[in-house]
PDB file of N, CA and C in Angstrom:
ATOM      1  N   THR A   1     -28.947  -3.202  -6.334  1.00  0.00           N
ATOM      2  CA  THR A   1     -28.752  -1.979  -5.589  1.00  0.00           C
ATOM      3  C   THR A   1     -27.411  -1.334  -5.906  1.00  0.00           C
ATOM      4  N   VAL A   2     -26.378  -2.132  -6.101  1.00  0.00           N
ATOM      5  CA  VAL A   2     -25.038  -1.592  -6.303  1.00  0.00           C
ATOM      6  C   VAL A   2     -24.869  -1.000  -7.705  1.00  0.00           C
ATOM      7  N   LEU A   3     -25.454  -1.648  -8.714  1.00  0.00           N
ATOM      8  CA  LEU A   3     -25.259  -1.183 -10.090  1.00  0.00           C
ATOM      9  C   LEU A   3     -25.662   0.278 -10.287  1.00  0.00           C
ATOM     10  N   PRO A   4     -26.830   0.721  -9.822  1.00  0.00           N
ATOM     11  CA  PRO A   4     -27.167   2.141 -10.003  1.00  0.00           C
ATOM     12  C   PRO A   4     -26.169   3.079  -9.318  1.00  0.00           C
ATOM     13  N   LEU A   5     -25.645   2.672  -8.185  1.00  0.00           N
ATOM     14  CA  LEU A   5     -24.658   3.507  -7.498  1.00  0.00           C
ATOM     15  C   LEU A   5     -23.361   3.602  -8.294  1.00  0.00           C
ATOM     16  N   VAL A   6     -22.946   2.497  -8.878  1.00  0.00           N
ATOM     17  CA  VAL A   6     -21.732   2.486  -9.697  1.00  0.00           C
ATOM     18  C   VAL A   6     -21.927   3.344 -10.942  1.00  0.00           C
ATOM     19  N   VAL A   7     -23.063   3.188 -11.594  1.00  0.00           N
ATOM     20  CA  VAL A   7     -23.348   3.965 -12.801  1.00  0.00           C
ATOM     21  C   VAL A   7     -23.404   5.454 -12.473  1.00  0.00           C
ATOM     22  N   ASP A   8     -24.065   5.826 -11.393  1.00  0.00           N
ATOM     23  CA  ASP A   8     -24.120   7.238 -10.995  1.00  0.00           C
ATOM     24  C   ASP A   8     -22.722   7.784 -10.734  1.00  0.00           C
ATOM     25  N   SER A   9     -21.893   6.987 -10.096  1.00  0.00           N
ATOM     26  CA  SER A   9     -20.523   7.411  -9.827  1.00  0.00           C
ATOM     27  C   SER A   9     -19.758   7.624 -11.128  1.00  0.00           C
ATOM     28  N   GLN A  10     -19.939   6.738 -12.093  1.00  0.00           N
ATOM     29  CA  GLN A  10     -19.269   6.879 -13.382  1.00  0.00           C
ATOM     30  C   GLN A  10     -19.760   8.118 -14.133  1.00  0.00           C
ATOM     31  N   ILE A  11     -21.038   8.383 -14.060  1.00  0.00           N
ATOM     32  CA  ILE A  11     -21.586   9.574 -14.718  1.00  0.00           C
ATOM     33  C   ILE A  11     -21.018  10.832 -14.078  1.00  0.00           C
ATOM     34  N   ASN A  12     -20.978  10.866 -12.753  1.00  0.00           N
ATOM     35  CA  ASN A  12     -20.400  12.034 -12.070  1.00  0.00           C
ATOM     36  C   ASN A  12     -18.934  12.206 -12.424  1.00  0.00           C
ATOM     37  N   ASP A  13     -18.202  11.110 -12.501  1.00  0.00           N
ATOM     38  CA  ASP A  13     -16.793  11.172 -12.868  1.00  0.00           C
ATOM     39  C   ASP A  13     -16.627  11.689 -14.296  1.00  0.00           C
ATOM     40  N   ALA A  14     -17.480  11.253 -15.209  1.00  0.00           N
ATOM     41  CA  ALA A  14     -17.410  11.723 -16.596  1.00  0.00           C
ATOM     42  C   ALA A  14     -17.694  13.221 -16.677  1.00  0.00           C
ATOM     43  N   ARG A  15     -18.661  13.691 -15.922  1.00  0.00           N
ATOM     44  CA  ARG A  15     -18.963  15.133 -15.906  1.00  0.00           C
ATOM     45  C   ARG A  15     -17.786  15.932 -15.368  1.00  0.00           C
ATOM     46  N   ARG A  16     -17.192  15.438 -14.300  1.00  0.00           N
ATOM     47  CA  ARG A  16     -16.029  16.101 -13.708  1.00  0.00           C
ATOM     48  C   ARG A  16     -14.865  16.126 -14.717  1.00  0.00           C
ATOM     49  N   HIS A  17     -14.665  15.016 -15.391  1.00  0.00           N
ATOM     50  CA  HIS A  17     -13.605  14.945 -16.388  1.00  0.00           C
ATOM     51  C   HIS A  17     -13.836  15.943 -17.518  1.00  0.00           C
ATOM     52  N   ARG A  18     -15.070  16.037 -18.004  1.00  0.00           N
ATOM     53  CA  ARG A  18     -15.370  16.984 -19.092  1.00  0.00           C
ATOM     54  C   ARG A  18     -15.115  18.422 -18.653  1.00  0.00           C
ATOM     55  N   ARG A  19     -15.515  18.755 -17.428  1.00  0.00           N
ATOM     56  CA  ARG A  19     -15.256  20.120 -16.931  1.00  0.00           C
ATOM     57  C   ARG A  19     -13.753  20.388 -16.856  1.00  0.00           C
ATOM     58  N   TRP A  20     -13.012  19.463 -16.301  1.00  0.00           N
ATOM     59  CA  TRP A  20     -11.577  19.617 -16.139  1.00  0.00           C
ATOM     60  C   TRP A  20     -10.881  19.690 -17.501  1.00  0.00           C
ATOM     61  N   ALA A  21     -11.206  18.764 -18.387  1.00  0.00           N
ATOM     62  CA  ALA A  21     -10.573  18.737 -19.707  1.00  0.00           C
ATOM     63  C   ALA A  21     -10.934  19.982 -20.513  1.00  0.00           C
ATOM     64  N   GLY A  22     -12.171  20.441 -20.407  1.00  0.00           N
ATOM     65  CA  GLY A  22     -12.572  21.659 -21.110  1.00  0.00           C
ATOM     66  C   GLY A  22     -11.814  22.871 -20.606  1.00  0.00           C
ATOM     67  N   ALA A  23     -11.664  22.981 -19.295  1.00  0.00           N
ATOM     68  CA  ALA A  23     -10.911  24.108 -18.724  1.00  0.00           C
ATOM     69  C   ALA A  23      -9.449  24.037 -19.129  1.00  0.00           C
ATOM     70  N   LEU A  24      -8.881  22.839 -19.153  1.00  0.00           N
ATOM     71  CA  LEU A  24      -7.487  22.677 -19.571  1.00  0.00           C
ATOM     72  C   LEU A  24      -7.304  23.083 -21.030  1.00  0.00           C
ATOM     73  N   ALA A  25      -8.205  22.638 -21.891  1.00  0.00           N
ATOM     74  CA  ALA A  25      -8.107  22.986 -23.307  1.00  0.00           C
ATOM     75  C   ALA A  25      -8.250  24.492 -23.504  1.00  0.00           C
ATOM     76  N   THR A  26      -9.194  25.100 -22.814  1.00  0.00           N
ATOM     77  CA  THR A  26      -9.390  26.548 -22.923  1.00  0.00           C
ATOM     78  C   THR A  26      -8.134  27.298 -22.495  1.00  0.00           C
ATOM     79  N   MET A  27      -7.556  26.889 -21.369  1.00  0.00           N
ATOM     80  CA  MET A  27      -6.342  27.534 -20.888  1.00  0.00           C
ATOM     81  C   MET A  27      -5.181  27.309 -21.861  1.00  0.00           C
ATOM     82  N   ALA A  28      -5.031  26.098 -22.357  1.00  0.00           N
ATOM     83  CA  ALA A  28      -3.930  25.792 -23.268  1.00  0.00           C
ATOM     84  C   ALA A  28      -4.023  26.613 -24.550  1.00  0.00           C
ATOM     85  N   LEU A  29      -5.237  26.797 -25.042  1.00  0.00           N
ATOM     86  CA  LEU A  29      -5.412  27.522 -26.300  1.00  0.00           C
ATOM     87  C   LEU A  29      -5.178  29.022 -26.157  1.00  0.00           C
ATOM     88  N   GLU A  30      -5.062  29.503 -24.935  1.00  0.00           N
ATOM     89  CA  GLU A  30      -4.749  30.922 -24.719  1.00  0.00           C
ATOM     90  C   GLU A  30      -3.274  31.212 -24.994  1.00  0.00           C
ATOM     91  N   GLN A  31      -2.453  30.176 -25.036  1.00  0.00           N
ATOM     92  CA  GLN A  31      -1.014  30.350 -25.245  1.00  0.00           C
ATOM     93  C   GLN A  31      -0.689  30.240 -26.734  1.00  0.00           C
ATOM     94  N   PRO A  32       0.154  31.158 -27.245  1.00  0.00           N
ATOM     95  CA  PRO A  32       0.535  31.104 -28.658  1.00  0.00           C
ATOM     96  C   PRO A  32       1.186  29.759 -29.006  1.00  0.00           C
ATOM     97  N   GLY A  33       0.827  29.228 -30.142  1.00  0.00           N
ATOM     98  CA  GLY A  33       1.421  27.994 -30.630  1.00  0.00           C
ATOM     99  C   GLY A  33       0.696  26.731 -30.219  1.00  0.00           C
ATOM    100  N   ASN A  34      -0.115  26.805 -29.176  1.00  0.00           N
ATOM    101  CA  ASN A  34      -0.787  25.595 -28.717  1.00  0.00           C
ATOM    102  C   ASN A  34      -1.897  25.135 -29.648  1.00  0.00           C
ATOM    103  N   ARG A  35      -2.463  26.045 -30.408  1.00  0.00           N
ATOM    104  CA  ARG A  35      -3.513  25.663 -31.368  1.00  0.00           C
ATOM    105  C   ARG A  35      -2.952  24.655 -32.366  1.00  0.00           C
ATOM    106  N   ASP A  36      -1.749  24.916 -32.882  1.00  0.00           N
ATOM    107  CA  ASP A  36      -1.146  23.992 -33.840  1.00  0.00           C
ATOM    108  C   ASP A  36      -0.906  22.622 -33.208  1.00  0.00           C
ATOM    109  N   VAL A  37      -0.462  22.624 -31.967  1.00  0.00           N
ATOM    110  CA  VAL A  37      -0.204  21.361 -31.269  1.00  0.00           C
ATOM    111  C   VAL A  37      -1.498  20.578 -31.083  1.00  0.00           C
ATOM    112  N   THR A  38      -2.537  21.229 -30.574  1.00  0.00           N
ATOM    113  CA  THR A  38      -3.795  20.513 -30.335  1.00  0.00           C
ATOM    114  C   THR A  38      -4.431  20.071 -31.644  1.00  0.00           C
ATOM    115  N   ASP A  39      -4.329  20.891 -32.680  1.00  0.00           N
ATOM    116  CA  ASP A  39      -4.858  20.480 -33.989  1.00  0.00           C
ATOM    117  C   ASP A  39      -4.143  19.229 -34.488  1.00  0.00           C
ATOM    118  N   GLY A  40      -2.830  19.173 -34.276  1.00  0.00           N
ATOM    119  CA  GLY A  40      -2.066  17.993 -34.677  1.00  0.00           C
ATOM    120  C   GLY A  40      -2.487  16.748 -33.909  1.00  0.00           C
ATOM    121  N   TRP A  41      -2.683  16.915 -32.594  1.00  0.00           N
ATOM    122  CA  TRP A  41      -3.138  15.785 -31.782  1.00  0.00           C
ATOM    123  C   TRP A  41      -4.499  15.282 -32.257  1.00  0.00           C
ATOM    124  N   LEU A  42      -5.406  16.227 -32.493  1.00  0.00           N
ATOM    125  CA  LEU A  42      -6.742  15.830 -32.939  1.00  0.00           C
ATOM    126  C   LEU A  42      -6.686  15.134 -34.292  1.00  0.00           C
ATOM    127  N   ALA A  43      -5.877  15.656 -35.202  1.00  0.00           N
ATOM    128  CA  ALA A  43      -5.758  15.043 -36.530  1.00  0.00           C
ATOM    129  C   ALA A  43      -5.202  13.623 -36.428  1.00  0.00           C
ATOM    130  N   ARG A  44      -4.298  13.411 -35.485  1.00  0.00           N
ATOM    131  CA  ARG A  44      -3.698  12.091 -35.333  1.00  0.00           C
ATOM    132  C   ARG A  44      -4.624  11.105 -34.623  1.00  0.00           C
ATOM    133  N   TRP A  45      -5.246  11.533 -33.532  1.00  0.00           N
ATOM    134  CA  TRP A  45      -5.952  10.600 -32.662  1.00  0.00           C
ATOM    135  C   TRP A  45      -7.447  10.450 -32.929  1.00  0.00           C
ATOM    136  N   MET A  46      -8.093  11.466 -33.483  1.00  0.00           N
ATOM    137  CA  MET A  46      -9.546  11.365 -33.672  1.00  0.00           C
ATOM    138  C   MET A  46      -9.949  10.277 -34.665  1.00  0.00           C
ATOM    139  N   PRO A  47      -9.216  10.063 -35.753  1.00  0.00           N
ATOM    140  CA  PRO A  47      -9.605   8.929 -36.618  1.00  0.00           C
ATOM    141  C   PRO A  47      -9.530   7.589 -35.884  1.00  0.00           C
ATOM    142  N   LEU A  48      -8.531   7.415 -35.033  1.00  0.00           N
ATOM    143  CA  LEU A  48      -8.428   6.181 -34.247  1.00  0.00           C
ATOM    144  C   LEU A  48      -9.578   6.074 -33.253  1.00  0.00           C
ATOM    145  N   ALA A  49      -9.905   7.194 -32.611  1.00  0.00           N
ATOM    146  CA  ALA A  49     -11.015   7.201 -31.656  1.00  0.00           C
ATOM    147  C   ALA A  49     -12.334   6.898 -32.361  1.00  0.00           C
ATOM    148  N   ALA A  50     -12.520   7.474 -33.543  1.00  0.00           N
ATOM    149  CA  ALA A  50     -13.759   7.231 -34.294  1.00  0.00           C
ATOM    150  C   ALA A  50     -13.894   5.755 -34.651  1.00  0.00           C
ATOM    151  N   ARG A  51     -12.795   5.133 -35.068  1.00  0.00           N
ATOM    152  CA  ARG A  51     -12.836   3.698 -35.382  1.00  0.00           C
ATOM    153  C   ARG A  51     -13.133   2.873 -34.123  1.00  0.00           C
ATOM    154  N   ALA A  52     -12.569   3.278 -32.997  1.00  0.00           N
ATOM    155  CA  ALA A  52     -12.826   2.554 -31.746  1.00  0.00           C
ATOM    156  C   ALA A  52     -14.298   2.656 -31.355  1.00  0.00           C
ATOM    157  N   VAL A  53     -14.865   3.851 -31.484  1.00  0.00           N
ATOM    158  CA  VAL A  53     -16.286   4.043 -31.159  1.00  0.00           C
ATOM    159  C   VAL A  53     -17.150   3.189 -32.081  1.00  0.00           C
ATOM    160  N   GLU A  54     -16.839   3.205 -33.368  1.00  0.00           N
ATOM    161  CA  GLU A  54     -17.626   2.425 -34.329  1.00  0.00           C
ATOM    162  C   GLU A  54     -17.530   0.927 -34.026  1.00  0.00           C
ATOM    163  N   SER A  55     -16.340   0.454 -33.701  1.00  0.00           N
ATOM    164  CA  SER A  55     -16.152  -0.965 -33.388  1.00  0.00           C
ATOM    165  C   SER A  55     -16.908  -1.355 -32.126  1.00  0.00           C
ATOM    166  N   TYR A  56     -16.799  -0.532 -31.108  1.00  0.00           N
ATOM    167  CA  TYR A  56     -17.494  -0.807 -29.850  1.00  0.00           C
ATOM    168  C   TYR A  56     -19.006  -0.806 -30.068  1.00  0.00           C
ATOM    169  N   CYS A  57     -19.496   0.212 -30.734  1.00  0.00           N
ATOM    170  CA  CYS A  57     -20.945   0.356 -30.909  1.00  0.00           C
ATOM    171  C   CYS A  57     -21.521  -0.697 -31.850  1.00  0.00           C
ATOM    172  N   ALA A  58     -20.690  -1.284 -32.707  1.00  0.00           N
ATOM    173  CA  ALA A  58     -21.176  -2.315 -33.624  1.00  0.00           C
ATOM    174  C   ALA A  58     -21.754  -3.505 -32.863  1.00  0.00           C
ATOM    175  N   ALA A  59     -21.275  -3.738 -31.649  1.00  0.00           N
ATOM    176  CA  ALA A  59     -21.757  -4.860 -30.843  1.00  0.00           C
ATOM    177  C   ALA A  59     -23.005  -4.512 -30.032  1.00  0.00           C
ATOM    178  N   LEU A  60     -23.434  -3.271 -30.084  1.00  0.00           N
ATOM    179  CA  LEU A  60     -24.595  -2.835 -29.308  1.00  0.00           C
ATOM    180  C   LEU A  60     -25.852  -2.874 -30.157  1.00  0.00           C
ATOM    181  N   PRO A  61     -27.007  -3.059 -29.498  1.00  0.00           N
ATOM    182  CA  PRO A  61     -28.256  -2.904 -30.245  1.00  0.00           C
ATOM    183  C   PRO A  61     -28.334  -1.464 -30.759  1.00  0.00           C
ATOM    184  N   ASP A  62     -28.757  -1.287 -31.977  1.00  0.00           N
ATOM    185  CA  ASP A  62     -28.858   0.051 -32.565  1.00  0.00           C
ATOM    186  C   ASP A  62     -27.481   0.724 -32.593  1.00  0.00           C
ATOM    187  N   GLY A  63     -26.463  -0.065 -32.954  1.00  0.00           N
ATOM    188  CA  GLY A  63     -25.073   0.384 -32.911  1.00  0.00           C
ATOM    189  C   GLY A  63     -24.780   1.617 -33.740  1.00  0.00           C
ATOM    190  N   ASP A  64     -25.357   1.700 -34.932  1.00  0.00           N
ATOM    191  CA  ASP A  64     -25.094   2.876 -35.779  1.00  0.00           C
ATOM    192  C   ASP A  64     -25.583   4.154 -35.109  1.00  0.00           C
ATOM    193  N   ALA A  65     -26.771   4.087 -34.518  1.00  0.00           N
ATOM    194  CA  ALA A  65     -27.313   5.269 -33.836  1.00  0.00           C
ATOM    195  C   ALA A  65     -26.480   5.599 -32.600  1.00  0.00           C
ATOM    196  N   ALA A  66     -26.027   4.575 -31.882  1.00  0.00           N
ATOM    197  CA  ALA A  66     -25.185   4.807 -30.697  1.00  0.00           C
ATOM    198  C   ALA A  66     -23.874   5.464 -31.092  1.00  0.00           C
ATOM    199  N   ALA A  67     -23.270   5.001 -32.176  1.00  0.00           N
ATOM    200  CA  ALA A  67     -22.015   5.595 -32.656  1.00  0.00           C
ATOM    201  C   ALA A  67     -22.237   7.039 -33.081  1.00  0.00           C
ATOM    202  N   ALA A  68     -23.342   7.305 -33.740  1.00  0.00           N
ATOM    203  CA  ALA A  68     -23.649   8.674 -34.170  1.00  0.00           C
ATOM    204  C   ALA A  68     -23.835   9.588 -32.964  1.00  0.00           C
ATOM    205  N   ARG A  69     -24.523   9.098 -31.935  1.00  0.00           N
ATOM    206  CA  ARG A  69     -24.711   9.904 -30.715  1.00  0.00           C
ATOM    207  C   ARG A  69     -23.373  10.166 -30.024  1.00  0.00           C
ATOM    208  N   ALA A  70     -22.543   9.150 -29.937  1.00  0.00           N
ATOM    209  CA  ALA A  70     -21.237   9.315 -29.299  1.00  0.00           C
ATOM    210  C   ALA A  70     -20.385  10.323 -30.060  1.00  0.00           C
ATOM    211  N   THR A  71     -20.396  10.237 -31.370  1.00  0.00           N
ATOM    212  CA  THR A  71     -19.635  11.171 -32.195  1.00  0.00           C
ATOM    213  C   THR A  71     -20.156  12.589 -32.014  1.00  0.00           C
ATOM    214  N   LYS A  72     -21.457  12.734 -31.924  1.00  0.00           N
ATOM    215  CA  LYS A  72     -22.057  14.055 -31.717  1.00  0.00           C
ATOM    216  C   LYS A  72     -21.632  14.645 -30.371  1.00  0.00           C
ATOM    217  N   VAL A  73     -21.589  13.816 -29.335  1.00  0.00           N
ATOM    218  CA  VAL A  73     -21.170  14.283 -28.008  1.00  0.00           C
ATOM    219  C   VAL A  73     -19.716  14.742 -28.035  1.00  0.00           C
ATOM    220  N   VAL A  74     -18.851  13.971 -28.676  1.00  0.00           N
ATOM    221  CA  VAL A  74     -17.429  14.347 -28.768  1.00  0.00           C
ATOM    222  C   VAL A  74     -17.270  15.642 -29.543  1.00  0.00           C
ATOM    223  N   THR A  75     -17.946  15.761 -30.666  1.00  0.00           N
ATOM    224  CA  THR A  75     -17.877  16.981 -31.475  1.00  0.00           C
ATOM    225  C   THR A  75     -18.367  18.185 -30.677  1.00  0.00           C
ATOM    226  N   SER A  76     -19.441  18.013 -29.941  1.00  0.00           N
ATOM    227  CA  SER A  76     -19.974  19.092 -29.119  1.00  0.00           C
ATOM    228  C   SER A  76     -18.975  19.500 -28.034  1.00  0.00           C
ATOM    229  N   PHE A  77     -18.332  18.507 -27.403  1.00  0.00           N
ATOM    230  CA  PHE A  77     -17.327  18.817 -26.386  1.00  0.00           C
ATOM    231  C   PHE A  77     -16.173  19.588 -27.010  1.00  0.00           C
ATOM    232  N   HIS A  78     -15.672  19.138 -28.145  1.00  0.00           N
ATOM    233  CA  HIS A  78     -14.568  19.838 -28.802  1.00  0.00           C
ATOM    234  C   HIS A  78     -14.950  21.283 -29.114  1.00  0.00           C
ATOM    235  N   ARG A  79     -16.143  21.470 -29.620  1.00  0.00           N
ATOM    236  CA  ARG A  79     -16.588  22.821 -29.960  1.00  0.00           C
ATOM    237  C   ARG A  79     -16.673  23.691 -28.701  1.00  0.00           C
ATOM    238  N   SER A  80     -17.224  23.135 -27.618  1.00  0.00           N
ATOM    239  CA  SER A  80     -17.376  23.931 -26.391  1.00  0.00           C
ATOM    240  C   SER A  80     -16.024  24.270 -25.772  1.00  0.00           C
ATOM    241  N   ALA A  81     -15.013  23.428 -26.018  1.00  0.00           N
ATOM    242  CA  ALA A  81     -13.665  23.678 -25.480  1.00  0.00           C
ATOM    243  C   ALA A  81     -12.823  24.520 -26.432  1.00  0.00           C
ATOM    244  N   GLY A  82     -13.378  24.867 -27.570  1.00  0.00           N
ATOM    245  CA  GLY A  82     -12.637  25.701 -28.532  1.00  0.00           C
ATOM    246  C   GLY A  82     -11.684  24.912 -29.401  1.00  0.00           C
ATOM    247  N   LEU A  83     -11.849  23.594 -29.429  1.00  0.00           N
ATOM    248  CA  LEU A  83     -10.944  22.752 -30.220  1.00  0.00           C
ATOM    249  C   LEU A  83     -11.427  22.601 -31.659  1.00  0.00           C
TER     250      LEU A  83
END
C-alpha cells in the first residue's frame, strides 16, 4: 500500500521540479549573457550526466532502451526550456 503512494509522490515532485526548473531557465535566458553561461554548464555537466545515466541503466533490464528513453526525456526538457 505504501509503495504506490511513495512513487506517486516522487512523480508529482518530479513534475513540480520540471515546471520550476523550466521557468527558471526561461527567465534566466531572457537576460543578456546568460546563454553563454548555461551553454557552458551544459557542456561541462551533460557528458557526466550521460555517463551516470548509462551506468545506472546498465544494471536494469533492457538498460540500453532505458538509457535512450532517459536521454530523450532530458533532451526534450532542454528543448522546451530553450536550452
